[in-house]
Amino acid sequence: SVQENVTAGTPDNATLCPGGNVTFSTVAGGTGPFSYQWKGPDGSPISGETGSSYTINGVTSADAGQYSVTVSGTCGDPVTVSATLSVQENVTAGTPDNATLC
């Protein structure tokens, strides 16, 4: 039988407010078994994140950036796909100045 090279679907980008939750996921194709390794915005592997999805609960501005996953299978080179997490700023307002008039 002919085995197929590994493929991976691109996760969706996400834009969230602070405190939101996000899950990035991919769907592998080709001949398995498949292995996964998620990497954070700094390019370093995220410890223990070796499944087809990665969830961040309670995002903060420090979580913003590009996340990627490398998928390996039986045939072909590993495939890396990525998505971007944008974290919006909370609304703030300055205090108006007091005024005394005649």
Protein backbone atom coordinates (compact mmCIF):
# COMPACT_ATOMS: atom_id res chain seq x y z
CA SER A 1 0.00 0.00 0.00
CA VAL A 2 1.06 3.62 -0.55
CA GLN A 3 1.45 5.76 2.53
CA GLU A 4 0.65 9.48 2.45
CA ASN A 5 2.83 12.42 3.53
CA VAL A 6 1.74 14.23 6.66
CA THR A 7 -0.46 17.34 6.34
CA ALA A 8 -1.93 19.67 8.95
CA GLY A 9 -4.81 22.13 8.94
CA THR A 10 -4.02 25.71 9.92
CA PRO A 11 -5.48 26.80 13.28
CA ASP A 12 -7.74 29.88 13.28
CA ASN A 13 -6.36 33.22 14.47
CA ALA A 14 -8.06 34.65 17.57
CA THR A 15 -8.68 38.13 18.98
CA LEU A 16 -9.78 38.23 22.61
CA CYS A 17 -10.29 40.57 25.53
CA PRO A 18 -8.20 39.89 28.66
CA GLY A 19 -9.61 37.00 30.66
CA GLY A 20 -11.00 35.16 27.63
CA ASN A 21 -10.26 31.56 26.71
CA VAL A 22 -8.93 30.28 23.38
CA THR A 23 -8.30 26.86 21.87
CA PHE A 24 -6.06 26.43 18.85
CA SER A 25 -6.44 23.13 17.00
CA THR A 26 -5.24 21.33 13.91
CA VAL A 27 -6.36 18.28 11.97
CA ALA A 28 -3.59 15.99 10.75
CA GLY A 29 -3.78 14.05 7.50
CA GLY A 30 -1.63 11.46 5.79
CA THR A 31 -0.35 8.26 7.32
CA GLY A 32 -0.15 8.20 11.12
CA PRO A 33 0.38 7.72 13.90
CA PHE A 34 0.85 11.47 14.38
CA SER A 35 2.78 13.40 16.99
CA TYR A 36 2.26 17.07 17.87
CA GLN A 37 4.35 19.74 19.58
CA TRP A 38 2.94 23.20 20.29
CA LYS A 39 5.28 26.19 20.53
CA GLY A 40 4.67 29.60 22.09
CA PRO A 41 5.34 33.08 20.71
CA ASP A 42 9.03 32.84 21.64
CA GLY A 43 9.36 29.67 19.52
CA SER A 44 10.02 27.41 22.50
CA PRO A 45 8.09 24.14 22.93
CA ILE A 46 5.24 24.37 25.43
CA SER A 47 5.82 21.65 28.03
CA GLY A 48 3.26 18.85 27.91
CA GLU A 49 1.34 20.28 24.93
CA THR A 50 1.55 17.32 22.55
CA GLY A 51 -2.07 16.91 21.42
CA SER A 52 -3.97 18.16 18.39
CA SER A 53 -5.23 21.22 20.33
CA TYR A 54 -3.87 23.76 22.80
CA THR A 55 -6.02 25.84 25.19
CA ILE A 56 -5.15 29.05 27.03
CA ASN A 57 -7.55 30.05 29.82
CA GLY A 58 -7.69 33.61 31.14
CA VAL A 59 -5.50 35.23 28.49
CA THR A 60 -3.47 38.33 29.30
CA SER A 61 -1.56 40.71 27.06
CA ALA A 62 1.55 38.61 27.78
CA ASP A 63 -0.08 35.70 25.89
CA ALA A 64 -0.34 37.63 22.62
CA GLY A 65 1.72 36.37 19.69
CA GLN A 66 2.06 33.55 17.21
CA TYR A 67 1.50 29.95 18.31
CA SER A 68 2.56 27.03 16.14
CA VAL A 69 2.26 23.28 16.10
CA THR A 70 4.58 20.84 14.37
CA VAL A 71 2.91 17.63 13.21
CA SER A 72 4.91 14.52 12.38
CA GLY A 73 3.64 11.34 10.77
CA THR A 74 4.98 8.18 9.18
CA CYS A 75 5.90 9.74 5.81
CA GLY A 76 7.36 13.02 4.68
CA ASP A 77 8.83 15.92 6.59
CA PRO A 78 7.11 17.32 9.68
CA VAL A 79 4.64 20.13 8.92
CA THR A 80 4.40 23.32 10.99
CA VAL A 81 1.29 25.54 10.96
CA SER A 82 0.57 28.58 13.08
CA ALA A 83 -2.05 31.06 14.29
CA THR A 84 -1.89 34.47 15.93
CA LEU A 85 -3.46 35.44 19.24
CA SER A 86 -4.26 39.16 19.62
CA VAL A 87 -5.30 40.45 23.04
CA GLN A 88 -7.25 43.70 23.10
CA GLU A 89 -6.81 46.32 25.79
CA ASN A 90 -9.46 46.90 28.45
CA VAL A 91 -11.23 50.27 28.26
CA THR A 92 -9.76 52.91 30.54
CA ALA A 93 -10.74 56.52 31.21
CA GLY A 94 -8.84 59.41 32.73
CA THR A 95 -10.35 61.31 35.64
CA PRO A 96 -11.62 64.74 34.55
CA ASP A 97 -10.16 67.77 36.29
CA ASN A 98 -12.22 69.51 38.94
CA ALA A 99 -13.17 73.11 38.14
CA THR A 100 -14.05 76.11 40.33
CA LEU A 101 -15.68 79.04 38.56
CA CYS A 102 -16.97 82.50 39.51
